[in-house]
Amino acid sequence: MSSLTVPDRFPTESSTAIALGVLASGNGSNFEALAQAITADQLQAEIRLLIYNNPDAYVRQRAERLGIPALLLDHRQFASREDLDQAIITAFRNRGVEWIAMAGWMRLVTETLIQAFPERIINIHPSLLPSFKGIRAVEQAIAAKVRISGCTAHLVTLDVDSGPILVQAAVPVLPDDTVDSLQQRIQVEEHKILPLAIALAAARSPLPV
């Protein structure tokens, strides 16, 4: 059972759609959830560009099916994290992107990207932060034998998984849960809170006209 009740339409302070860029590395279920929230008129936004770093990522197929522009920036082709982030900045700016959603982006971002989009990068993480930071959050929750886990949407800062929290949703940890079963239930809540967090952040911090 989720602790989050999702409104039919998320808040906005503008009649203009949020110009959104998405970073993803893998399956892309959160990316598709964002697209569905936009199609359902819950989130007033437009995904201008998906950037993915893994040539085999299934998210590319999702973008193709949804008709959303996608760009491969393979991190192995860049000399440094800063070089990759600069390429991301250039690609997003060329598409008029104003907000970034990290929807399963498995790369650390640098100050280069954060300064280019200050307080406009939102990450989704599979734990109730500040508990269980890092890439093995669900495994940590199972190992710690906690009874409640969940997910967090937060603003991105240089400190990993430590930025200001926007939205959280709780998920019970069942006695027979495995990493996979808990991860699947957490993802259901991630799909709800990521579009909500984007709408809330944009409403609180509108861009200058």
C-alpha atoms as a PDB file:
ATOM      1  CA  MET A   1       0.000   0.000   0.000  1.00  0.00           C
ATOM      2  CA  SER A   2       1.304   3.432  -0.916  1.00  0.00           C
ATOM      3  CA  SER A   3       1.294   6.405   1.419  1.00  0.00           C
ATOM      4  CA  LEU A   4       0.929   8.740  -1.546  1.00  0.00           C
ATOM      5  CA  THR A   5      -2.308   9.958  -3.063  1.00  0.00           C
ATOM      6  CA  VAL A   6      -1.669  11.251  -6.564  1.00  0.00           C
ATOM      7  CA  PRO A   7      -3.819  14.164  -7.790  1.00  0.00           C
ATOM      8  CA  ASP A   8      -5.511  14.054 -11.171  1.00  0.00           C
ATOM      9  CA  ARG A   9      -3.420  17.035 -12.261  1.00  0.00           C
ATOM     10  CA  PHE A  10      -0.163  18.230 -10.769  1.00  0.00           C
ATOM     11  CA  PRO A  11       0.308  21.865  -9.722  1.00  0.00           C
ATOM     12  CA  THR A  12       1.724  24.480 -12.050  1.00  0.00           C
ATOM     13  CA  GLU A  13       2.327  28.214 -11.890  1.00  0.00           C
ATOM     14  CA  SER A  14       2.575  28.699 -15.636  1.00  0.00           C
ATOM     15  CA  SER A  15       0.518  28.111 -18.742  1.00  0.00           C
ATOM     16  CA  THR A  16       3.726  27.059 -20.511  1.00  0.00           C
ATOM     17  CA  ALA A  17       4.736  23.403 -20.571  1.00  0.00           C
ATOM     18  CA  ILE A  18       7.888  22.484 -18.655  1.00  0.00           C
ATOM     19  CA  ALA A  19      10.703  21.892 -21.160  1.00  0.00           C
ATOM     20  CA  LEU A  20      12.098  18.629 -19.861  1.00  0.00           C
ATOM     21  CA  GLY A  21      15.208  16.625 -20.631  1.00  0.00           C
ATOM     22  CA  VAL A  22      15.608  13.089 -19.321  1.00  0.00           C
ATOM     23  CA  LEU A  23      18.781  11.157 -18.471  1.00  0.00           C
ATOM     24  CA  ALA A  24      18.509   7.365 -18.315  1.00  0.00           C
ATOM     25  CA  SER A  25      20.849   4.394 -18.441  1.00  0.00           C
ATOM     26  CA  GLY A  26      18.720   1.264 -18.456  1.00  0.00           C
ATOM     27  CA  ASN A  27      15.193  -0.044 -18.762  1.00  0.00           C
ATOM     28  CA  GLY A  28      13.530   3.368 -18.760  1.00  0.00           C
ATOM     29  CA  SER A  29      10.313   2.634 -16.875  1.00  0.00           C
ATOM     30  CA  ASN A  30      10.474   5.998 -15.093  1.00  0.00           C
ATOM     31  CA  PHE A  31      11.038   7.708 -18.438  1.00  0.00           C
ATOM     32  CA  GLU A  32       7.906   6.086 -19.826  1.00  0.00           C
ATOM     33  CA  ALA A  33       5.971   6.952 -16.653  1.00  0.00           C
ATOM     34  CA  LEU A  34       6.834  10.609 -17.241  1.00  0.00           C
ATOM     35  CA  ALA A  35       5.631  10.376 -20.827  1.00  0.00           C
ATOM     36  CA  GLN A  36       2.391   8.750 -19.667  1.00  0.00           C
ATOM     37  CA  ALA A  37       1.816  11.460 -17.047  1.00  0.00           C
ATOM     38  CA  ILE A  38       2.192  14.069 -19.785  1.00  0.00           C
ATOM     39  CA  THR A  39      -0.153  12.217 -22.145  1.00  0.00           C
ATOM     40  CA  ALA A  40      -2.724  11.893 -19.337  1.00  0.00           C
ATOM     41  CA  ASP A  41      -2.490  15.666 -18.777  1.00  0.00           C
ATOM     42  CA  GLN A  42      -1.312  15.130 -15.206  1.00  0.00           C
ATOM     43  CA  LEU A  43       2.028  16.816 -15.855  1.00  0.00           C
ATOM     44  CA  GLN A  44       2.157  19.949 -17.989  1.00  0.00           C
ATOM     45  CA  ALA A  45       5.467  19.255 -19.674  1.00  0.00           C
ATOM     46  CA  GLU A  46       7.163  18.243 -22.896  1.00  0.00           C
ATOM     47  CA  ILE A  47      10.078  15.824 -23.038  1.00  0.00           C
ATOM     48  CA  ARG A  48      12.364  17.603 -25.480  1.00  0.00           C
ATOM     49  CA  LEU A  49      15.132  14.989 -25.451  1.00  0.00           C
ATOM     50  CA  LEU A  50      16.153  11.696 -23.860  1.00  0.00           C
ATOM     51  CA  ILE A  51      19.884  11.170 -23.371  1.00  0.00           C
ATOM     52  CA  TYR A  52      21.101   7.652 -22.608  1.00  0.00           C
ATOM     53  CA  ASN A  53      24.657   6.419 -22.081  1.00  0.00           C
ATOM     54  CA  ASN A  54      24.316   2.664 -22.616  1.00  0.00           C
ATOM     55  CA  PRO A  55      24.001   1.574 -26.272  1.00  0.00           C
ATOM     56  CA  ASP A  56      21.989  -1.490 -25.212  1.00  0.00           C
ATOM     57  CA  ALA A  57      19.590   0.368 -22.899  1.00  0.00           C
ATOM     58  CA  TYR A  58      15.951  -0.587 -23.454  1.00  0.00           C
ATOM     59  CA  VAL A  59      14.981   3.032 -22.827  1.00  0.00           C
ATOM     60  CA  ARG A  60      15.999   3.768 -26.423  1.00  0.00           C
ATOM     61  CA  GLN A  61      13.242   1.475 -27.689  1.00  0.00           C
ATOM     62  CA  ARG A  62      10.721   3.148 -25.395  1.00  0.00           C
ATOM     63  CA  ALA A  63      11.664   6.556 -26.777  1.00  0.00           C
ATOM     64  CA  GLU A  64      11.371   5.319 -30.355  1.00  0.00           C
ATOM     65  CA  ARG A  65       7.916   3.861 -29.678  1.00  0.00           C
ATOM     66  CA  LEU A  66       6.782   7.068 -27.972  1.00  0.00           C
ATOM     67  CA  GLY A  67       8.165   9.299 -30.717  1.00  0.00           C
ATOM     68  CA  ILE A  68      10.500  11.149 -28.343  1.00  0.00           C
ATOM     69  CA  PRO A  69      13.919  12.273 -29.637  1.00  0.00           C
ATOM     70  CA  ALA A  70      16.779  10.268 -28.137  1.00  0.00           C
ATOM     71  CA  LEU A  71      20.538  10.746 -28.178  1.00  0.00           C
ATOM     72  CA  LEU A  72      23.242   8.245 -27.227  1.00  0.00           C
ATOM     73  CA  LEU A  73      26.175   9.765 -25.336  1.00  0.00           C
ATOM     74  CA  ASP A  74      28.289   6.741 -24.450  1.00  0.00           C
ATOM     75  CA  HIS A  75      30.290   7.718 -21.363  1.00  0.00           C
ATOM     76  CA  ARG A  76      33.155   5.492 -22.518  1.00  0.00           C
ATOM     77  CA  GLN A  77      33.740   7.859 -25.442  1.00  0.00           C
ATOM     78  CA  PHE A  78      34.524  10.828 -23.179  1.00  0.00           C
ATOM     79  CA  ALA A  79      37.833  11.582 -21.490  1.00  0.00           C
ATOM     80  CA  SER A  80      36.231  12.786 -18.260  1.00  0.00           C
ATOM     81  CA  ARG A  81      32.914  13.136 -16.457  1.00  0.00           C
ATOM     82  CA  GLU A  82      33.104  16.867 -17.109  1.00  0.00           C
ATOM     83  CA  ASP A  83      33.406  16.281 -20.856  1.00  0.00           C
ATOM     84  CA  LEU A  84      30.328  14.053 -20.803  1.00  0.00           C
ATOM     85  CA  ASP A  85      28.382  16.609 -18.793  1.00  0.00           C
ATOM     86  CA  GLN A  86      29.365  19.383 -21.190  1.00  0.00           C
ATOM     87  CA  ALA A  87      28.034  17.309 -24.087  1.00  0.00           C
ATOM     88  CA  ILE A  88      24.801  16.804 -22.137  1.00  0.00           C
ATOM     89  CA  ILE A  89      24.519  20.555 -21.551  1.00  0.00           C
ATOM     90  CA  THR A  90      25.041  21.325 -25.232  1.00  0.00           C
ATOM     91  CA  ALA A  91      22.491  18.748 -26.384  1.00  0.00           C
ATOM     92  CA  PHE A  92      19.853  19.868 -23.901  1.00  0.00           C
ATOM     93  CA  ARG A  93      20.365  23.561 -24.602  1.00  0.00           C
ATOM     94  CA  ASN A  94      20.052  22.922 -28.328  1.00  0.00           C
ATOM     95  CA  ARG A  95      16.601  21.483 -27.584  1.00  0.00           C
ATOM     96  CA  GLY A  96      15.581  24.292 -25.223  1.00  0.00           C
ATOM     97  CA  VAL A  97      15.565  22.063 -22.134  1.00  0.00           C
ATOM     98  CA  GLU A  98      15.029  23.914 -18.838  1.00  0.00           C
ATOM     99  CA  TRP A  99      14.598  21.061 -16.332  1.00  0.00           C
ATOM    100  CA  ILE A 100      16.347  17.676 -16.140  1.00  0.00           C
ATOM    101  CA  ALA A 101      14.961  14.419 -14.747  1.00  0.00           C
ATOM    102  CA  MET A 102      17.484  11.728 -13.841  1.00  0.00           C
ATOM    103  CA  ALA A 103      15.363   8.627 -14.384  1.00  0.00           C
ATOM    104  CA  GLY A 104      17.803   5.844 -13.619  1.00  0.00           C
ATOM    105  CA  TRP A 105      20.944   7.695 -14.728  1.00  0.00           C
ATOM    106  CA  MET A 106      23.826   5.568 -13.452  1.00  0.00           C
ATOM    107  CA  ARG A 107      26.564   8.184 -13.729  1.00  0.00           C
ATOM    108  CA  LEU A 108      27.756  10.687 -11.158  1.00  0.00           C
ATOM    109  CA  VAL A 109      27.174  14.237 -12.337  1.00  0.00           C
ATOM    110  CA  THR A 110      29.716  16.998 -11.923  1.00  0.00           C
ATOM    111  CA  GLU A 111      29.593  20.634 -10.932  1.00  0.00           C
ATOM    112  CA  THR A 112      29.658  21.451 -14.655  1.00  0.00           C
ATOM    113  CA  LEU A 113      26.132  20.104 -15.154  1.00  0.00           C
ATOM    114  CA  ILE A 114      24.790  21.279 -11.803  1.00  0.00           C
ATOM    115  CA  GLN A 115      25.901  24.866 -12.417  1.00  0.00           C
ATOM    116  CA  ALA A 116      24.366  24.837 -15.902  1.00  0.00           C
ATOM    117  CA  PHE A 117      20.968  23.805 -14.471  1.00  0.00           C
ATOM    118  CA  PRO A 118      21.035  25.116 -10.876  1.00  0.00           C
ATOM    119  CA  GLU A 119      18.296  23.568  -8.707  1.00  0.00           C
ATOM    120  CA  ARG A 120      16.685  22.247 -11.892  1.00  0.00           C
ATOM    121  CA  ILE A 121      17.935  18.641 -11.866  1.00  0.00           C
ATOM    122  CA  ILE A 122      15.697  16.074 -10.169  1.00  0.00           C
ATOM    123  CA  ASN A 123      16.696  12.510  -9.289  1.00  0.00           C
ATOM    124  CA  ILE A 124      14.617   9.515  -8.255  1.00  0.00           C
ATOM    125  CA  HIS A 125      16.162   7.181  -5.645  1.00  0.00           C
ATOM    126  CA  PRO A 126      14.811   3.839  -4.333  1.00  0.00           C
ATOM    127  CA  SER A 127      14.910   4.534  -0.603  1.00  0.00           C
ATOM    128  CA  LEU A 128      13.535   6.932   1.959  1.00  0.00           C
ATOM    129  CA  LEU A 129      16.525   9.252   2.051  1.00  0.00           C
ATOM    130  CA  PRO A 130      18.652   9.964   3.986  1.00  0.00           C
ATOM    131  CA  SER A 131      18.621   6.197   4.608  1.00  0.00           C
ATOM    132  CA  PHE A 132      20.352   3.856   2.167  1.00  0.00           C
ATOM    133  CA  LYS A 133      22.174   6.119  -0.256  1.00  0.00           C
ATOM    134  CA  GLY A 134      23.986   4.800  -3.304  1.00  0.00           C
ATOM    135  CA  ILE A 135      23.340   2.254  -6.017  1.00  0.00           C
ATOM    136  CA  ARG A 136      22.489  -0.705  -3.737  1.00  0.00           C
ATOM    137  CA  ALA A 137      19.748   0.989  -1.753  1.00  0.00           C
ATOM    138  CA  VAL A 138      17.219  -1.842  -2.032  1.00  0.00           C
ATOM    139  CA  GLU A 139      19.810  -4.451  -1.064  1.00  0.00           C
ATOM    140  CA  GLN A 140      20.728  -2.327   1.959  1.00  0.00           C
ATOM    141  CA  ALA A 141      17.081  -2.109   3.027  1.00  0.00           C
ATOM    142  CA  ILE A 142      16.665  -5.898   2.835  1.00  0.00           C
ATOM    143  CA  ALA A 143      19.921  -6.482   4.731  1.00  0.00           C
ATOM    144  CA  ALA A 144      18.959  -3.996   7.449  1.00  0.00           C
ATOM    145  CA  LYS A 145      15.620  -5.809   7.944  1.00  0.00           C
ATOM    146  CA  VAL A 146      13.682  -2.554   7.955  1.00  0.00           C
ATOM    147  CA  ARG A 147       9.898  -2.774   7.860  1.00  0.00           C
ATOM    148  CA  ILE A 148       9.398   0.315   5.698  1.00  0.00           C
ATOM    149  CA  SER A 149      11.326   1.447   2.647  1.00  0.00           C
ATOM    150  CA  GLY A 150      10.242   3.564  -0.306  1.00  0.00           C
ATOM    151  CA  CYS A 151      11.514   6.137  -2.755  1.00  0.00           C
ATOM    152  CA  THR A 152      12.566   9.765  -2.849  1.00  0.00           C
ATOM    153  CA  ALA A 153      12.555  12.439  -5.532  1.00  0.00           C
ATOM    154  CA  HIS A 154      15.093  15.147  -4.732  1.00  0.00           C
ATOM    155  CA  LEU A 155      17.082  17.988  -6.222  1.00  0.00           C
ATOM    156  CA  VAL A 156      20.575  17.007  -7.303  1.00  0.00           C
ATOM    157  CA  THR A 157      23.646  18.419  -5.573  1.00  0.00           C
ATOM    158  CA  LEU A 158      27.314  17.433  -5.649  1.00  0.00           C
ATOM    159  CA  ASP A 159      26.777  15.261  -2.574  1.00  0.00           C
ATOM    160  CA  VAL A 160      25.268  12.038  -3.889  1.00  0.00           C
ATOM    161  CA  ASP A 161      21.631  11.418  -2.890  1.00  0.00           C
ATOM    162  CA  SER A 162      21.770  14.350  -0.471  1.00  0.00           C
ATOM    163  CA  GLY A 163      19.902  17.192  -2.181  1.00  0.00           C
ATOM    164  CA  PRO A 164      16.690  18.786  -0.897  1.00  0.00           C
ATOM    165  CA  ILE A 165      13.835  16.288  -0.790  1.00  0.00           C
ATOM    166  CA  LEU A 166      10.780  17.077  -2.924  1.00  0.00           C
ATOM    167  CA  VAL A 167       8.509  14.027  -2.518  1.00  0.00           C
ATOM    168  CA  GLN A 168       8.719  10.648  -0.783  1.00  0.00           C
ATOM    169  CA  ALA A 169       6.504   7.566  -0.827  1.00  0.00           C
ATOM    170  CA  ALA A 170       6.652   4.691   1.656  1.00  0.00           C
ATOM    171  CA  VAL A 171       6.536   1.002   0.743  1.00  0.00           C
ATOM    172  CA  PRO A 172       6.239  -1.817   3.315  1.00  0.00           C
ATOM    173  CA  VAL A 173       9.003  -4.421   3.362  1.00  0.00           C
ATOM    174  CA  LEU A 174       7.363  -7.840   3.564  1.00  0.00           C
ATOM    175  CA  PRO A 175       8.908 -10.775   5.471  1.00  0.00           C
ATOM    176  CA  ASP A 176       9.475 -12.784   2.286  1.00  0.00           C
ATOM    177  CA  ASP A 177      10.675  -9.884   0.136  1.00  0.00           C
ATOM    178  CA  THR A 178      13.639 -10.305  -2.161  1.00  0.00           C
ATOM    179  CA  VAL A 179      15.579  -7.455  -3.714  1.00  0.00           C
ATOM    180  CA  ASP A 180      13.620  -7.947  -6.938  1.00  0.00           C
ATOM    181  CA  SER A 181      10.163  -8.059  -5.352  1.00  0.00           C
ATOM    182  CA  LEU A 182      10.793  -4.992  -3.209  1.00  0.00           C
ATOM    183  CA  GLN A 183      12.343  -3.138  -6.137  1.00  0.00           C
ATOM    184  CA  GLN A 184       9.257  -3.796  -8.255  1.00  0.00           C
ATOM    185  CA  ARG A 185       6.908  -2.365  -5.635  1.00  0.00           C
ATOM    186  CA  ILE A 186       9.148   0.643  -5.074  1.00  0.00           C
ATOM    187  CA  GLN A 187       9.175   1.332  -8.815  1.00  0.00           C
ATOM    188  CA  VAL A 188       5.382   1.567  -8.824  1.00  0.00           C
ATOM    189  CA  GLU A 189       5.708   4.487  -6.399  1.00  0.00           C
ATOM    190  CA  GLU A 190       8.637   6.010  -8.286  1.00  0.00           C
ATOM    191  CA  HIS A 191       6.416   6.276 -11.341  1.00  0.00           C
ATOM    192  CA  LYS A 192       3.969   8.362  -9.292  1.00  0.00           C
ATOM    193  CA  ILE A 193       6.315  10.687  -7.432  1.00  0.00           C
ATOM    194  CA  LEU A 194       8.786  11.649 -10.165  1.00  0.00           C
ATOM    195  CA  PRO A 195       6.258  13.591 -12.289  1.00  0.00           C
ATOM    196  CA  LEU A 196       4.765  15.077  -9.130  1.00  0.00           C
ATOM    197  CA  ALA A 197       8.200  16.227  -7.947  1.00  0.00           C
ATOM    198  CA  ILE A 198       8.930  17.869 -11.298  1.00  0.00           C
ATOM    199  CA  ALA A 199       5.648  19.771 -11.173  1.00  0.00           C
ATOM    200  CA  LEU A 200       6.213  20.864  -7.563  1.00  0.00           C
ATOM    201  CA  ALA A 201       9.784  22.013  -8.200  1.00  0.00           C
ATOM    202  CA  ALA A 202       8.813  23.970 -11.307  1.00  0.00           C
ATOM    203  CA  ALA A 203       5.871  25.588  -9.499  1.00  0.00           C
ATOM    204  CA  ARG A 204       8.071  26.660  -6.588  1.00  0.00           C
ATOM    205  CA  SER A 205      10.942  27.905  -8.740  1.00  0.00           C
ATOM    206  CA  PRO A 206       9.507  29.314 -11.973  1.00  0.00           C
ATOM    207  CA  LEU A 207      12.061  30.413 -14.522  1.00  0.00           C
ATOM    208  CA  PRO A 208      12.299  34.151 -15.231  1.00  0.00           C
ATOM    209  CA  VAL A 209      10.199  35.299 -18.186  1.00  0.00           C
END
